[in-house]
Amino acid sequence: MQKLDSCLPPIQATQTDTASVKHEGEALFAHKKTSRAETENKLPEATCSELTAPRSPVQMVEDHAIIDLRKIPFYQLLMPESFFPTSLCKHLEAYQHSAIEELKQRFDQTIKAMRLSSKHSHLIQEVRDSMLSLSSIKDSIAPLSKLGSQFKAHLAVAGINTPEIHDRAFQDVSFRLVTPMLQQLGLYEKHQTMKKCFGYPMRPSLKLPCELNPDPVYDPNLYDCFCQFLSDQLKGTTRGFPVKLLGFVPPGFADPDASTRGYMDSFWSLNMSHGNLTHLLQLFLQKDAGHMNSDALKWIIKHDFWTLIMEFNGFLSFDSFTVTEPQDDDLKILDSLRLDDTDTIPARLSLIGLRRSLLGNSPDALHTRLLCSEFSLAIRQLNSQLSPEKRASFIQNILKQAADESDDKNIQTLKQVEENLALIEWIIRNDQLKTLGEISKFLGKTPHTVLTHDDSLNGQFSTGTPQVEKCVREEARRDIAKGKKVYGINAQGTKKIRLDSHSRLERYTAFMVYSD
């Protein structure tokens, strides 16, 4: 077996869509009649097709079987031993181990090259542990559920009713990795090598809601309340309300506040797969694991470890794990994954896309799962399909809590976890859809056009483009009108200036917004 880094496809999202969920008989999707105006806020009918059984995550290219983990339902990846042959579980474990080992090696090599004194040893270990605490997205389920539960209690104390949450339909949407962007990032040759090695071009895709309107009962004040609540949970690691960054803010201006306050991103920067609150959620996950404090956060930003630990771009990750001589047990994998082409016996078997599927260091991996309710739906599906013994095992090993002797009580435990996760997902999704509507109206484009633009879904912030600068200036104008403190960064990145309603925003290409 060997790990290949030179022949690795771009990332595609996992299958937790209308097709797979409905096929399992788990989700009930409410469809309502829409007016002509409302249909503009839906993905085209071609992408919201009739419900069918999920496509096989295996593709044969001559005698090479390629298993795309991003096309395996999330709930099956959480408990693979309950759904797949032992051989696939072993390869998946080895693949994940190699990916985490690579993270460790990158970190350790960077530290070695820095030649820091021994007084940094404790913080270095703390920061390394914080990186590893994000490395498995499975480990985010329990703390996110706790966050949802605590927020529910917070709303109850404040006399705010928890919204009734209904299921939505989600579908795959493909997008292009455009050549200029790949060239700019130095990834074009890798992308071309991938196509040569695997024999066919792959278009990355991810799940998106079919309907692009926020839920009618959604109150934007609930998002503001959640932001404040999340900020309060980070006290001790951060102080004050996080700063919001619009456009590319040079490190000289961004770092002092980011290292003490933490920071939020904005959809007005037109990166639709990244999420506004993702980095704050990552900090919460690290703090909950006991590996994040104010000193660690400052150290990460001061020594430029943010990208490795918190900003791993899953869509632009080229990773695979290849079995060069598949055995009989390996061939059972293909049967379990419903391979259509059963006539060809593969000489090679490759697993691809683990970083986008199961590693939590990628903000786009975390946000897009939240956007499309993949966490809560996975819990629902497992609760329905696992045996009592496996259900108890999931509670113990993934949720890290004691299972009850009563299976009925364990079922209720998982239902509660599902509801906790669904609340966070609902808030995050509706905020994005509300903002998407505002952006599309400002640009005079449909929400679908804004959301699926080539540069919007690749997990990479596009800076310096006229449309992005136009959008961040508009949000800065809106924030000034709301009474927030807004500072503009000039095009040269040399000045930070407090702005007001009379300021000429066209002089600035990036902004910092303070809400406290």
Protein backbone atom coordinates (compact mmCIF):
# COMPACT_ATOMS: atom_id res chain seq x y z
CA MET A 1 0.00 0.00 0.00
CA GLN A 2 1.16 3.51 -0.63
CA LYS A 3 -0.11 7.03 -0.17
CA LEU A 4 -0.11 9.17 -3.30
CA ASP A 5 0.20 12.93 -3.11
CA SER A 6 0.87 13.56 -6.78
CA CYS A 7 -2.31 12.15 -8.31
CA LEU A 8 -5.09 13.52 -6.21
CA PRO A 9 -8.50 14.83 -7.26
CA PRO A 10 -10.21 18.01 -6.10
CA ILE A 11 -12.74 17.71 -3.34
CA GLN A 12 -16.40 16.78 -3.66
CA ALA A 13 -18.96 16.86 -0.89
CA THR A 14 -20.37 13.82 0.85
CA GLN A 15 -23.77 12.48 -0.21
CA THR A 16 -26.36 13.60 2.31
CA ASP A 17 -28.85 14.90 -0.21
CA THR A 18 -32.47 14.43 -1.07
CA ALA A 19 -31.63 11.22 -2.88
CA SER A 20 -29.65 9.47 -0.18
CA VAL A 21 -31.74 10.66 2.75
CA LYS A 22 -35.04 9.85 1.09
CA HIS A 23 -33.72 6.51 -0.09
CA GLU A 24 -33.04 5.59 3.53
CA GLY A 25 -36.58 6.64 4.43
CA GLU A 26 -35.38 8.94 7.17
CA ALA A 27 -36.21 12.52 6.24
CA LEU A 28 -39.53 14.10 5.46
CA PHE A 29 -39.22 17.08 3.16
CA ALA A 30 -42.01 19.63 2.98
CA HIS A 31 -42.55 21.02 -0.51
CA LYS A 32 -44.83 24.00 -0.99
CA LYS A 33 -46.23 25.62 -4.10
CA THR A 34 -44.16 28.61 -5.11
CA SER A 35 -44.92 31.75 -7.04
CA ARG A 36 -42.99 32.76 -10.13
CA ALA A 37 -40.92 35.18 -8.07
CA GLU A 38 -40.05 32.48 -5.53
CA THR A 39 -38.73 30.13 -8.20
CA GLU A 40 -35.85 32.53 -8.79
CA ASN A 41 -34.60 31.57 -5.34
CA LYS A 42 -34.34 27.89 -6.17
CA LEU A 43 -31.62 25.87 -7.82
CA PRO A 44 -32.54 24.91 -11.40
CA GLU A 45 -34.81 21.90 -11.75
CA ALA A 46 -31.95 19.97 -13.32
CA THR A 47 -30.14 19.93 -9.99
CA CYS A 48 -33.26 19.26 -7.93
CA SER A 49 -34.26 16.16 -9.85
CA GLU A 50 -36.62 13.39 -8.86
CA LEU A 51 -35.52 11.24 -5.96
CA THR A 52 -33.40 8.26 -6.95
CA ALA A 53 -31.11 5.85 -5.19
CA PRO A 54 -27.66 7.32 -4.46
CA ARG A 55 -25.02 6.98 -7.14
CA SER A 56 -22.18 4.59 -6.43
CA PRO A 57 -19.17 6.34 -4.89
CA VAL A 58 -16.96 4.03 -7.01
CA GLN A 59 -15.79 4.85 -10.52
CA MET A 60 -13.78 2.48 -12.69
CA VAL A 61 -11.09 3.96 -14.92
CA GLU A 62 -9.80 1.00 -16.93
CA ASP A 63 -8.60 -1.37 -14.17
CA HIS A 64 -8.43 1.28 -11.44
CA ALA A 65 -11.28 1.43 -8.89
CA ILE A 66 -11.59 4.90 -7.34
CA ILE A 67 -13.70 5.27 -4.17
CA ASP A 68 -14.68 8.88 -3.47
CA LEU A 69 -15.30 9.20 0.27
CA ARG A 70 -17.14 12.46 -0.36
CA LYS A 71 -19.88 10.47 -2.06
CA ILE A 72 -20.40 8.10 0.87
CA PRO A 73 -23.16 9.25 3.27
CA PHE A 74 -21.73 10.91 6.35
CA TYR A 75 -23.50 8.59 8.79
CA GLN A 76 -21.80 5.57 7.19
CA LEU A 77 -18.38 7.20 7.54
CA LEU A 78 -19.06 7.80 11.24
CA MET A 79 -19.65 4.07 11.87
CA PRO A 80 -18.08 2.29 8.88
CA GLU A 81 -17.83 -1.02 10.72
CA SER A 82 -21.64 -1.16 10.74
CA PHE A 83 -22.03 -0.75 6.99
CA PHE A 84 -18.91 -1.96 5.16
CA PRO A 85 -16.56 -4.95 4.97
CA THR A 86 -13.66 -5.08 7.42
CA SER A 87 -11.17 -4.44 4.60
CA LEU A 88 -12.63 -1.01 3.82
CA CYS A 89 -12.61 -0.10 7.51
CA LYS A 90 -8.93 -1.06 7.72
CA HIS A 91 -8.02 1.00 4.64
CA LEU A 92 -10.04 3.95 5.92
CA GLU A 93 -8.29 3.80 9.28
CA ALA A 94 -4.87 3.60 7.61
CA TYR A 95 -5.78 6.48 5.28
CA GLN A 96 -6.88 8.68 8.17
CA HIS A 97 -3.80 7.74 10.18
CA SER A 98 -1.52 8.74 7.29
CA ALA A 99 -3.33 12.07 6.86
CA ILE A 100 -2.99 12.93 10.54
CA GLU A 101 0.65 11.83 10.54
CA GLU A 102 1.26 14.20 7.64
CA LEU A 103 -0.27 17.05 9.65
CA LYS A 104 2.04 16.20 12.55
CA GLN A 105 5.08 16.07 10.27
CA ARG A 106 4.30 19.44 8.71
CA PHE A 107 3.91 20.96 12.15
CA ASP A 108 7.06 19.37 13.56
CA GLN A 109 9.19 20.28 10.53
CA THR A 110 8.05 23.90 10.72
CA ILE A 111 8.83 24.05 14.44
CA LYS A 112 12.27 22.52 13.86
CA ALA A 113 13.10 25.11 11.20
CA MET A 114 12.13 27.94 13.58
CA ARG A 115 14.77 26.93 16.16
CA LEU A 116 12.79 28.22 19.11
CA SER A 117 14.17 28.14 22.64
CA SER A 118 13.01 25.61 25.21
CA LYS A 119 10.78 28.19 26.91
CA HIS A 120 8.31 27.68 24.03
CA SER A 121 8.03 23.91 24.62
CA HIS A 122 4.81 23.97 26.64
CA LEU A 123 3.01 26.28 24.22
CA ILE A 124 4.26 24.33 21.22
CA GLN A 125 2.74 21.15 22.65
CA GLU A 126 -0.50 22.99 23.45
CA VAL A 127 -0.73 24.32 19.90
CA ARG A 128 0.09 20.92 18.41
CA ASP A 129 -2.67 19.35 20.51
CA SER A 130 -5.09 22.06 19.40
CA MET A 131 -4.37 21.14 15.78
CA LEU A 132 -4.97 17.45 16.44
CA SER A 133 -8.18 18.16 18.35
CA LEU A 134 -9.65 19.36 15.03
CA SER A 135 -8.19 16.58 12.92
CA SER A 136 -11.21 14.25 13.17
CA ILE A 137 -14.57 15.79 12.35
CA LYS A 138 -16.19 12.97 14.35
CA ASP A 139 -14.85 14.60 17.50
CA SER A 140 -16.83 17.78 16.79
CA ILE A 141 -20.23 16.10 17.21
CA ALA A 142 -20.33 15.93 21.02
CA PRO A 143 -19.12 19.52 21.69
CA LEU A 144 -21.40 20.97 18.97
CA SER A 145 -24.32 19.12 20.54
CA LYS A 146 -23.35 20.55 23.93
CA LEU A 147 -23.20 24.04 22.40
CA GLY A 148 -26.67 23.59 20.94
CA SER A 149 -28.05 22.32 24.23
CA GLN A 150 -26.55 25.22 26.18
CA PHE A 151 -27.89 27.74 23.66
CA LYS A 152 -31.38 26.25 23.99
CA ALA A 153 -31.16 26.73 27.75
CA HIS A 154 -29.89 30.28 27.22
CA LEU A 155 -32.91 31.06 25.01
CA ALA A 156 -35.29 29.58 27.58
CA VAL A 157 -33.87 31.80 30.33
CA ALA A 158 -34.24 34.81 28.02
CA GLY A 159 -37.84 33.85 27.31
CA ILE A 160 -37.18 33.17 23.62
CA ASN A 161 -38.93 30.21 22.05
CA THR A 162 -36.78 27.66 20.22
CA PRO A 163 -37.91 27.63 16.58
CA GLU A 164 -39.69 24.64 15.10
CA ILE A 165 -37.25 23.22 12.57
CA HIS A 166 -38.42 21.47 9.41
CA ASP A 167 -36.30 19.39 7.06
CA ARG A 168 -35.05 20.80 3.78
CA ALA A 169 -34.02 19.16 0.53
CA PHE A 170 -30.38 19.32 -0.54
CA GLN A 171 -28.70 18.52 -3.83
CA ASP A 172 -25.25 18.27 -5.38
CA VAL A 173 -24.03 21.32 -7.28
CA SER A 174 -20.83 21.08 -9.30
CA PHE A 175 -18.38 23.92 -9.90
CA ARG A 176 -15.11 24.44 -11.72
CA LEU A 177 -11.63 24.86 -10.30
CA VAL A 178 -10.69 27.69 -12.63
CA THR A 179 -7.19 27.71 -14.14
CA PRO A 180 -6.15 31.25 -13.02
CA MET A 181 -6.97 30.43 -9.40
CA LEU A 182 -5.06 27.13 -9.54
CA GLN A 183 -2.09 28.85 -11.14
CA GLN A 184 -2.10 31.59 -8.53
CA LEU A 185 -2.01 28.99 -5.75
CA GLY A 186 0.65 26.89 -7.48
CA LEU A 187 -1.74 23.95 -7.84
CA TYR A 188 -2.30 23.85 -11.59
CA GLU A 189 0.35 21.19 -12.27
CA LYS A 190 -1.04 19.00 -9.48
CA HIS A 191 -4.51 19.37 -10.93
CA GLN A 192 -3.29 18.35 -14.39
CA THR A 193 -1.34 15.43 -12.90
CA MET A 194 -4.50 14.30 -11.12
CA LYS A 195 -6.41 14.16 -14.39
CA LYS A 196 -3.56 12.23 -16.00
CA CYS A 197 -3.19 9.72 -13.14
CA PHE A 198 -6.88 9.05 -12.61
CA GLY A 199 -7.80 9.16 -16.27
CA TYR A 200 -10.74 11.55 -16.12
CA PRO A 201 -11.44 15.12 -14.99
CA MET A 202 -13.51 15.52 -11.84
CA ARG A 203 -15.71 18.52 -11.12
CA PRO A 204 -15.84 19.26 -7.40
CA SER A 205 -19.31 19.43 -5.91
CA LEU A 206 -20.97 20.05 -2.60
CA LYS A 207 -24.41 19.98 -1.08
CA LEU A 208 -26.58 23.08 -1.24
CA PRO A 209 -30.20 23.69 -0.24
CA CYS A 210 -32.58 23.32 -3.19
CA GLU A 211 -34.58 26.34 -2.06
CA LEU A 212 -32.47 29.44 -1.43
CA ASN A 213 -34.92 31.41 0.73
CA PRO A 214 -34.55 31.51 4.52
CA ASP A 215 -37.33 29.82 6.46
CA PRO A 216 -40.37 32.11 6.88
CA VAL A 217 -40.16 31.93 10.68
CA TYR A 218 -36.46 32.82 10.78
CA ASP A 219 -35.68 35.86 12.93
CA PRO A 220 -32.23 37.41 12.21
CA ASN A 221 -32.04 38.48 15.85
CA LEU A 222 -31.58 34.80 16.72
CA TYR A 223 -28.32 34.77 14.73
CA ASP A 224 -27.10 37.87 16.59
CA CYS A 225 -28.03 36.19 19.85
CA PHE A 226 -26.10 33.05 18.87
CA CYS A 227 -23.03 35.10 17.89
CA GLN A 228 -23.01 36.78 21.28
CA PHE A 229 -23.54 33.46 23.05
CA LEU A 230 -20.68 31.83 21.12
CA SER A 231 -18.44 34.79 21.90
CA ASP A 232 -19.29 34.39 25.60
CA GLN A 233 -18.29 30.72 25.48
CA LEU A 234 -14.84 31.74 24.26
CA LYS A 235 -14.10 34.05 27.19
CA GLY A 236 -10.71 33.22 28.60
CA THR A 237 -9.44 32.46 25.12
CA THR A 238 -10.71 35.72 23.65
CA ARG A 239 -11.95 38.99 25.12
CA GLY A 240 -14.57 41.29 23.68
CA PHE A 241 -16.73 40.58 20.65
CA PRO A 242 -14.88 39.19 17.61
CA VAL A 243 -13.78 41.60 14.90
CA LYS A 244 -15.32 41.10 11.45
CA LEU A 245 -12.93 41.17 8.50
CA LEU A 246 -14.17 42.26 5.07
CA GLY A 247 -11.84 41.61 2.16
CA PHE A 248 -8.14 40.97 2.67
CA VAL A 249 -6.93 42.77 5.78
CA PRO A 250 -3.10 42.79 5.99
CA PRO A 251 -1.70 40.86 8.98
CA GLY A 252 -0.26 44.03 10.49
CA PHE A 253 -3.79 45.26 11.09
CA ALA A 254 -5.70 41.96 11.42
CA ASP A 255 -3.39 40.00 13.73
CA PRO A 256 -3.50 42.15 16.91
CA ASP A 257 -7.29 41.92 17.09
CA ALA A 258 -7.61 38.37 15.75
CA SER A 259 -5.17 37.12 18.39
CA THR A 260 -7.14 38.65 21.27
CA ARG A 261 -10.74 38.84 20.03
CA GLY A 262 -10.92 36.10 17.43
CA TYR A 263 -12.53 37.05 14.15
CA MET A 264 -15.53 36.49 11.92
CA ASP A 265 -15.59 36.29 8.14
CA SER A 266 -18.35 37.55 5.87
CA PHE A 267 -20.33 36.12 2.96
CA TRP A 268 -20.08 39.57 1.41
CA SER A 269 -16.48 38.58 0.62
CA LEU A 270 -18.17 36.06 -1.74
CA ASN A 271 -16.61 32.91 -0.29
CA MET A 272 -19.80 30.90 0.10
CA SER A 273 -18.36 27.62 1.42
CA HIS A 274 -16.23 29.03 4.26
CA GLY A 275 -18.83 30.28 6.73
CA ASN A 276 -18.93 33.43 8.87
CA LEU A 277 -18.56 31.72 12.25
CA THR A 278 -16.45 28.70 11.36
CA HIS A 279 -13.23 29.87 12.98
CA LEU A 280 -15.07 30.78 16.18
CA LEU A 281 -16.60 27.29 16.18
CA GLN A 282 -13.14 25.79 15.68
CA LEU A 283 -11.87 27.76 18.67
CA PHE A 284 -14.83 26.49 20.70
CA LEU A 285 -14.05 22.88 19.72
CA GLN A 286 -10.40 23.33 20.69
CA LYS A 287 -11.27 25.01 23.98
CA ASP A 288 -13.80 22.29 24.80
CA ALA A 289 -11.06 19.70 24.22
CA GLY A 290 -8.83 21.58 26.67
CA HIS A 291 -6.31 22.72 24.07
CA MET A 292 -7.04 26.40 23.47
CA ASN A 293 -6.41 29.43 25.65
CA SER A 294 -5.40 33.05 25.11
CA ASP A 295 -1.68 32.27 25.05
CA ALA A 296 -2.09 29.49 22.49
CA LEU A 297 -4.24 31.68 20.22
CA LYS A 298 -1.72 34.51 20.32
CA TRP A 299 1.13 32.08 19.63
CA ILE A 300 -0.65 30.52 16.64
CA ILE A 301 -1.20 33.89 14.99
CA LYS A 302 2.17 35.39 15.92
CA HIS A 303 4.08 32.43 14.49
CA ASP A 304 1.86 32.04 11.41
CA PHE A 305 0.36 28.61 12.19
CA TRP A 306 -3.21 29.68 11.49
CA THR A 307 -3.31 28.26 7.96
CA LEU A 308 -2.02 24.83 8.93
CA ILE A 309 -4.26 24.47 11.97
CA MET A 310 -7.46 26.37 11.13
CA GLU A 311 -7.52 27.19 7.43
CA PHE A 312 -6.88 23.91 5.66
CA ASN A 313 -8.65 24.19 2.28
CA GLY A 314 -10.39 20.86 1.71
CA PHE A 315 -11.54 21.71 -1.82
CA LEU A 316 -7.97 22.27 -2.99
CA SER A 317 -6.57 19.23 -1.22
CA PHE A 318 -5.10 16.51 -3.40
CA ASP A 319 -4.96 13.34 -1.32
CA SER A 320 -5.49 9.62 -1.81
CA PHE A 321 -4.69 6.19 -0.41
CA THR A 322 -4.00 3.37 -2.87
CA VAL A 323 -4.04 -0.40 -2.49
CA THR A 324 -1.79 -1.65 -5.27
CA GLU A 325 -2.74 -5.35 -5.18
CA PRO A 326 -6.35 -5.73 -4.02
CA GLN A 327 -7.19 -9.05 -2.39
CA ASP A 328 -10.50 -10.93 -2.43
CA ASP A 329 -11.65 -9.08 0.69
CA ASP A 330 -10.95 -5.78 -1.05
CA LEU A 331 -13.20 -6.73 -3.93
CA LYS A 332 -16.08 -7.15 -1.47
CA ILE A 333 -15.79 -3.41 -0.91
CA LEU A 334 -16.93 -2.74 -4.45
CA ASP A 335 -20.00 -4.93 -4.01
CA SER A 336 -20.94 -3.11 -0.80
CA LEU A 337 -20.66 0.24 -2.60
CA ARG A 338 -22.94 -0.82 -5.47
CA LEU A 339 -20.34 -0.70 -8.23
CA ASP A 340 -22.20 -0.81 -11.55
CA ASP A 341 -19.29 -2.20 -13.57
CA THR A 342 -18.78 -5.66 -12.10
CA ASP A 343 -17.02 -7.16 -15.12
CA THR A 344 -13.60 -5.60 -14.55
CA ILE A 345 -11.42 -6.87 -11.71
CA PRO A 346 -9.38 -3.87 -10.54
CA ALA A 347 -5.61 -4.01 -10.36
CA ARG A 348 -5.59 -0.94 -8.12
CA LEU A 349 -8.03 0.46 -5.59
CA SER A 350 -7.81 4.08 -4.42
CA LEU A 351 -9.65 5.94 -1.66
CA ILE A 352 -9.78 9.70 -2.25
CA GLY A 353 -11.10 12.78 -0.47
CA LEU A 354 -10.53 12.02 3.21
CA ARG A 355 -9.44 15.56 4.05
CA ARG A 356 -12.72 16.93 2.75
CA SER A 357 -14.76 14.17 4.39
CA LEU A 358 -13.37 13.46 7.84
CA LEU A 359 -10.69 16.00 8.79
CA GLY A 360 -11.99 19.00 10.74
CA ASN A 361 -9.11 21.43 10.12
CA SER A 362 -10.90 22.60 6.99
CA PRO A 363 -13.39 25.43 7.59
CA ASP A 364 -15.23 24.62 4.36
CA ALA A 365 -15.62 20.97 5.43
CA LEU A 366 -17.13 22.01 8.76
CA HIS A 367 -19.32 24.80 7.39
CA THR A 368 -20.81 22.93 4.45
CA ARG A 369 -21.80 20.02 6.71
CA LEU A 370 -23.55 22.49 9.02
CA LEU A 371 -25.13 24.33 6.09
CA CYS A 372 -26.82 21.17 4.86
CA SER A 373 -27.73 19.56 8.20
CA GLU A 374 -25.34 16.67 7.67
CA PHE A 375 -24.54 16.34 11.38
CA SER A 376 -28.14 16.09 12.58
CA LEU A 377 -29.25 13.91 9.67
CA ALA A 378 -26.35 11.54 10.31
CA ILE A 379 -27.44 11.14 13.94
CA ARG A 380 -31.02 10.52 12.82
CA GLN A 381 -29.98 7.87 10.33
CA LEU A 382 -27.70 6.10 12.81
CA ASN A 383 -30.40 6.16 15.46
CA SER A 384 -32.74 4.46 13.02
CA GLN A 385 -30.36 1.90 11.56
CA LEU A 386 -27.98 0.81 14.32
CA SER A 387 -28.64 -2.17 16.53
CA PRO A 388 -29.04 -1.49 20.27
CA GLU A 389 -25.46 -2.66 20.84
CA LYS A 390 -24.04 -0.42 18.09
CA ARG A 391 -26.18 2.47 19.28
CA ALA A 392 -24.66 2.17 22.74
CA SER A 393 -21.20 1.91 21.20
CA PHE A 394 -21.74 5.14 19.24
CA ILE A 395 -22.83 6.99 22.38
CA GLN A 396 -19.75 5.77 24.25
CA ASN A 397 -17.10 6.11 21.55
CA ILE A 398 -18.25 9.11 19.51
CA LEU A 399 -20.33 11.12 21.97
CA LYS A 400 -17.93 10.23 24.80
CA GLN A 401 -20.65 9.62 27.37
CA ALA A 402 -21.99 6.62 29.21
CA ALA A 403 -24.72 4.67 27.41
CA ASP A 404 -27.79 3.59 29.32
CA GLU A 405 -28.76 -0.05 29.80
CA SER A 406 -32.14 0.85 28.34
CA ASP A 407 -32.10 1.10 24.53
CA ASP A 408 -35.18 3.35 24.67
CA LYS A 409 -33.23 5.86 26.72
CA ASN A 410 -30.30 5.66 24.29
CA ILE A 411 -32.70 6.37 21.42
CA GLN A 412 -33.92 9.44 23.27
CA THR A 413 -30.32 10.52 23.91
CA LEU A 414 -29.57 10.46 20.19
CA LYS A 415 -32.81 12.29 19.39
CA GLN A 416 -31.75 15.03 21.77
CA VAL A 417 -28.31 15.22 20.15
CA GLU A 418 -29.99 15.48 16.75
CA GLU A 419 -32.16 18.38 17.95
CA ASN A 420 -29.18 20.18 19.50
CA LEU A 421 -27.19 19.96 16.28
CA ALA A 422 -30.19 20.89 14.14
CA LEU A 423 -30.61 24.19 16.00
CA ILE A 424 -27.06 25.31 15.21
CA GLU A 425 -27.38 24.15 11.61
CA TRP A 426 -30.71 25.96 11.21
CA ILE A 427 -29.31 29.28 12.45
CA ILE A 428 -26.19 29.08 10.30
CA ARG A 429 -28.10 28.06 7.17
CA ASN A 430 -30.77 30.73 7.47
CA ASP A 431 -28.25 33.48 8.11
CA GLN A 432 -26.38 32.48 4.96
CA LEU A 433 -29.57 32.33 2.87
CA LYS A 434 -30.73 35.71 4.21
CA THR A 435 -27.36 37.27 3.37
CA LEU A 436 -27.33 35.54 -0.02
CA GLY A 437 -30.64 37.22 -0.82
CA GLU A 438 -29.27 40.62 0.16
CA ILE A 439 -26.13 40.15 -1.95
CA SER A 440 -28.06 38.92 -4.98
CA LYS A 441 -30.43 41.89 -4.79
CA PHE A 442 -27.48 44.30 -4.50
CA LEU A 443 -25.70 42.74 -7.49
CA GLY A 444 -28.88 42.34 -9.54
CA LYS A 445 -28.28 38.60 -9.93
CA THR A 446 -30.20 35.51 -8.87
CA PRO A 447 -29.18 33.83 -5.60
CA HIS A 448 -28.26 30.71 -7.57
CA THR A 449 -25.86 32.71 -9.78
CA VAL A 450 -24.15 34.32 -6.79
CA LEU A 451 -23.93 31.06 -4.84
CA THR A 452 -22.58 28.86 -7.62
CA HIS A 453 -20.17 31.26 -9.29
CA ASP A 454 -16.86 29.56 -10.08
CA ASP A 455 -14.97 31.51 -7.39
CA SER A 456 -17.66 31.23 -4.70
CA LEU A 457 -17.50 27.55 -3.73
CA ASN A 458 -13.83 26.57 -3.86
CA GLY A 459 -13.10 27.54 -0.26
CA GLN A 460 -10.67 30.25 -1.35
CA PHE A 461 -11.15 33.97 -0.77
CA SER A 462 -10.87 35.95 -4.00
CA THR A 463 -9.28 39.32 -3.31
CA GLY A 464 -8.78 42.35 -5.48
CA THR A 465 -11.62 41.57 -7.90
CA PRO A 466 -14.03 44.43 -8.71
CA GLN A 467 -17.08 42.43 -7.62
CA VAL A 468 -15.63 41.43 -4.25
CA GLU A 469 -14.48 44.99 -3.54
CA LYS A 470 -17.92 46.29 -4.53
CA CYS A 471 -19.59 43.86 -2.13
CA VAL A 472 -17.35 44.46 0.90
CA ARG A 473 -17.78 48.21 0.47
CA GLU A 474 -21.54 47.73 0.48
CA GLU A 475 -21.45 45.73 3.71
CA ALA A 476 -19.17 48.34 5.26
CA ARG A 477 -21.73 51.01 4.28
CA ARG A 478 -24.52 48.98 5.88
CA ASP A 479 -22.51 48.44 9.07
CA ILE A 480 -21.80 52.17 9.34
CA ALA A 481 -25.54 52.82 8.99
CA LYS A 482 -26.15 50.37 11.86
CA GLY A 483 -23.83 52.39 14.10
CA LYS A 484 -20.96 49.91 14.15
CA LYS A 485 -17.35 51.05 14.27
CA VAL A 486 -15.90 50.52 10.80
CA TYR A 487 -12.28 51.06 9.78
CA GLY A 488 -11.10 51.10 6.19
CA ILE A 489 -7.78 49.72 4.95
CA ASN A 490 -6.37 51.56 1.96
CA ALA A 491 -5.34 49.77 -1.25
CA GLN A 492 -1.67 49.92 -0.27
CA GLY A 493 -2.41 48.24 3.04
CA THR A 494 -0.64 50.99 4.96
CA LYS A 495 -3.44 52.89 6.68
CA LYS A 496 -6.39 51.99 8.95
CA ILE A 497 -8.90 54.84 9.13
CA ARG A 498 -12.15 55.20 11.11
CA LEU A 499 -15.02 55.75 8.67
CA ASP A 500 -18.41 57.39 8.91
CA SER A 501 -21.40 57.97 6.64
CA HIS A 502 -19.54 60.73 4.80
CA SER A 503 -16.43 58.68 4.05
CA ARG A 504 -15.55 57.81 0.46
CA LEU A 505 -15.56 54.03 0.68
CA GLU A 506 -14.12 53.60 -2.83
CA ARG A 507 -10.75 54.58 -1.38
CA TYR A 508 -10.63 51.36 0.63
CA THR A 509 -10.37 47.70 -0.40
CA ALA A 510 -10.83 46.02 2.99
CA PHE A 511 -12.55 46.80 6.27
CA MET A 512 -12.55 45.89 9.96
CA VAL A 513 -15.87 46.04 11.81
CA TYR A 514 -16.35 46.22 15.58
CA SER A 515 -19.72 45.62 17.22
CA ASP A 516 -18.75 46.53 20.80
